[in-house]
C-alpha cells in the first residue's frame, strides 16, 4: 500500500502541473481570461461571477502578488488533485480511482472547468468527512466549495 501511495503522490504532483499549465484549453478558457483581465483592471470590484466569491477573491489576491492566470490554474489544480488523492487513498484500490477518474473527471472537469474542479474536490473531501460521521465538516466543506462554484450547494439536499 505504501508504494501505491507514493506512486499516486508522484502522479498527483505531475497532474497538478499538467492541468495547471494548460494554455487555451477548456470550455471556459476565454471566460477565465476575461475575468482575470477584469480583476487586473479593477481589483476587488466583483462585477462578474460575484456569486463565486472565493474564486474571484483568489484572483484578486494573486493579482495583488503580481502573479498570472497560470498560477491561478496551478493552485486550483492542486486543490482539485488533492481532493482526488485524499479520496483515492481511502479506497481499497486507490490506483483504480485515478484510472476511472482520468478519462472524464481529470481531463474534462480538471482541465476544462477550473471553478467546478475546485468545487468537485471540496465535494470529495465532504464525502470523506461524512463517511467519518463529521457532519459539521461535511456542511463546511460544501459551503466552501460553493463559494468557488455556487451549484455545489445543491448537494446538501
Protein backbone atom coordinates (compact mmCIF):
# COMPACT_ATOMS: atom_id res chain seq x y z
CA UNK A 1 0.00 0.00 0.00
CA UNK A 2 2.88 2.38 0.77
CA UNK A 3 4.34 2.04 -2.74
CA UNK A 4 0.88 2.70 -4.26
CA UNK A 5 0.54 5.80 -2.10
CA UNK A 6 3.99 7.00 -3.17
CA UNK A 7 3.17 6.33 -6.83
CA UNK A 8 -0.12 8.25 -6.53
CA UNK A 9 1.67 11.14 -4.89
CA UNK A 10 4.07 11.37 -7.85
CA UNK A 11 1.22 11.05 -10.36
CA UNK A 12 -0.73 13.71 -8.46
CA UNK A 13 2.26 16.05 -8.48
CA UNK A 14 2.60 15.67 -12.26
CA UNK A 15 -1.15 16.11 -12.80
CA UNK A 16 -1.13 19.43 -10.93
CA UNK A 17 1.30 20.83 -13.49
CA UNK A 18 -0.35 19.04 -16.42
CA UNK A 19 -3.67 20.69 -15.51
CA UNK A 20 -2.31 23.96 -14.16
CA UNK A 21 -0.04 24.89 -17.05
CA UNK A 22 -2.57 24.34 -19.81
CA UNK A 23 -2.96 27.17 -22.28
CA UNK A 24 -6.11 27.83 -24.25
CA UNK A 25 -7.74 24.56 -23.21
CA UNK A 26 -11.11 24.13 -21.61
CA UNK A 27 -14.68 25.13 -22.21
CA UNK A 28 -14.38 28.31 -20.16
CA UNK A 29 -10.81 29.35 -21.01
CA UNK A 30 -11.81 32.62 -22.67
CA UNK A 31 -14.20 33.44 -19.83
CA UNK A 32 -11.45 32.84 -17.26
CA UNK A 33 -9.12 35.13 -19.20
CA UNK A 34 -11.83 37.79 -19.35
CA UNK A 35 -12.42 37.60 -15.60
CA UNK A 36 -8.65 37.73 -14.97
CA UNK A 37 -8.45 40.86 -17.14
CA UNK A 38 -11.35 42.45 -15.23
CA UNK A 39 -9.61 41.74 -11.94
CA UNK A 40 -6.41 43.33 -13.24
CA UNK A 41 -8.28 46.42 -14.46
CA UNK A 42 -10.47 46.96 -11.39
CA UNK A 43 -9.47 44.81 -8.41
CA UNK A 44 -11.96 43.85 -5.70
CA UNK A 45 -14.99 45.11 -7.59
CA UNK A 46 -16.54 41.66 -8.04
CA UNK A 47 -18.59 42.81 -11.04
CA UNK A 48 -18.50 39.44 -12.75
CA UNK A 49 -19.17 35.99 -11.31
CA UNK A 50 -19.64 37.66 -7.94
CA UNK A 51 -21.59 34.68 -6.64
CA UNK A 52 -18.41 32.57 -6.91
CA UNK A 53 -16.73 34.83 -4.41
CA UNK A 54 -13.88 32.54 -3.33
CA UNK A 55 -12.66 32.19 -6.91
CA UNK A 56 -12.79 35.94 -7.53
CA UNK A 57 -11.09 36.57 -4.17
CA UNK A 58 -8.32 34.13 -5.14
CA UNK A 59 -7.88 36.01 -8.42
CA UNK A 60 -7.62 39.32 -6.58
CA UNK A 61 -5.06 38.02 -4.10
CA UNK A 62 -2.90 36.56 -6.86
CA UNK A 63 -3.24 39.78 -8.86
CA UNK A 64 -2.02 41.73 -5.80
CA UNK A 65 1.00 39.41 -5.73
CA UNK A 66 1.61 40.18 -9.44
CA UNK A 67 1.12 36.56 -10.44
CA UNK A 68 -0.65 35.28 -13.55
CA UNK A 69 -3.53 33.08 -14.73
CA UNK A 70 -1.25 30.03 -14.74
CA UNK A 71 -0.65 30.46 -11.01
CA UNK A 72 -4.41 30.55 -10.51
CA UNK A 73 -4.70 27.34 -12.54
CA UNK A 74 -1.90 25.61 -10.62
CA UNK A 75 -3.46 26.46 -7.26
CA UNK A 76 -6.89 25.30 -8.43
CA UNK A 77 -5.35 22.15 -9.94
CA UNK A 78 -3.62 21.45 -6.63
CA UNK A 79 -6.91 21.71 -4.73
CA UNK A 80 -8.63 19.52 -7.34
CA UNK A 81 -5.98 16.79 -7.31
CA UNK A 82 -5.67 16.97 -3.51
CA UNK A 83 -9.34 16.00 -3.19
CA UNK A 84 -8.96 13.12 -5.62
CA UNK A 85 -5.79 11.95 -3.85
CA UNK A 86 -7.38 12.06 -0.37
CA UNK A 87 -10.41 10.19 -1.68
CA UNK A 88 -8.29 7.61 -3.54
CA UNK A 89 -6.04 6.67 -0.63
CA UNK A 90 -9.10 5.75 1.42
CA UNK A 91 -10.15 3.15 -1.13
CA UNK A 92 -9.01 -0.47 -1.28
CA UNK A 93 -7.60 0.06 -4.78
CA UNK A 94 -6.52 3.71 -4.88
CA UNK A 95 -4.92 3.49 -8.32
CA UNK A 96 -8.29 2.47 -9.76
CA UNK A 97 -9.74 5.78 -8.60
CA UNK A 98 -7.24 7.56 -10.85
CA UNK A 99 -7.80 5.13 -13.72
CA UNK A 100 -11.56 5.68 -13.58
CA UNK A 101 -11.25 9.44 -12.96
CA UNK A 102 -8.76 10.20 -15.72
CA UNK A 103 -10.90 9.92 -18.87
CA UNK A 104 -13.61 12.33 -17.74
CA UNK A 105 -13.12 13.82 -14.30
CA UNK A 106 -9.47 14.76 -14.72
CA UNK A 107 -9.31 15.53 -18.44
CA UNK A 108 -12.71 17.20 -18.84
CA UNK A 109 -13.56 18.72 -15.46
CA UNK A 110 -9.99 19.29 -14.26
CA UNK A 111 -8.69 20.77 -17.47
CA UNK A 112 -11.92 22.23 -18.78
CA UNK A 113 -13.64 23.87 -15.84
CA UNK A 114 -11.46 25.42 -13.15
CA UNK A 115 -14.09 26.54 -10.63
CA UNK A 116 -16.07 23.33 -10.98
CA UNK A 117 -12.94 21.24 -10.43
CA UNK A 118 -12.24 23.03 -7.14
CA UNK A 119 -15.86 22.51 -6.08
CA UNK A 120 -15.58 18.83 -7.03
CA UNK A 121 -12.56 18.50 -4.77
CA UNK A 122 -14.46 20.00 -1.86
CA UNK A 123 -17.30 17.58 -2.61
CA UNK A 124 -14.90 14.63 -2.35
CA UNK A 125 -13.47 15.98 0.89
CA UNK A 126 -17.04 16.45 2.19
CA UNK A 127 -17.86 12.84 1.33
CA UNK A 128 -14.83 11.75 3.34
CA UNK A 129 -16.00 13.89 6.27
CA UNK A 130 -19.48 12.42 6.04
CA UNK A 131 -18.11 8.87 5.96
CA UNK A 132 -16.26 9.73 9.18
CA UNK A 133 -19.55 10.99 10.67
CA UNK A 134 -18.24 14.56 10.79
CA UNK A 135 -21.43 16.29 9.70
CA UNK A 136 -20.25 19.79 10.60
CA UNK A 137 -17.17 19.42 8.37
CA UNK A 138 -19.34 18.00 5.60
CA UNK A 139 -21.50 21.13 5.59
CA UNK A 140 -18.49 23.41 5.97
CA UNK A 141 -16.68 21.82 3.02
CA UNK A 142 -19.80 22.02 0.85
CA UNK A 143 -20.21 25.71 1.71
CA UNK A 144 -16.53 26.45 0.96
CA UNK A 145 -16.79 24.56 -2.34
CA UNK A 146 -19.96 26.50 -3.16
CA UNK A 147 -18.00 29.72 -2.84
CA UNK A 148 -15.97 28.51 -5.82
CA UNK A 149 -18.95 27.17 -7.78
CA UNK A 150 -22.39 28.02 -6.43
CA UNK A 151 -24.22 24.95 -7.75
CA UNK A 152 -22.34 22.66 -5.36
CA UNK A 153 -24.74 23.86 -2.66
CA UNK A 154 -27.43 21.62 -4.20
CA UNK A 155 -25.58 18.56 -2.89
CA UNK A 156 -26.78 19.48 0.61
CA UNK A 157 -30.36 18.50 -0.20
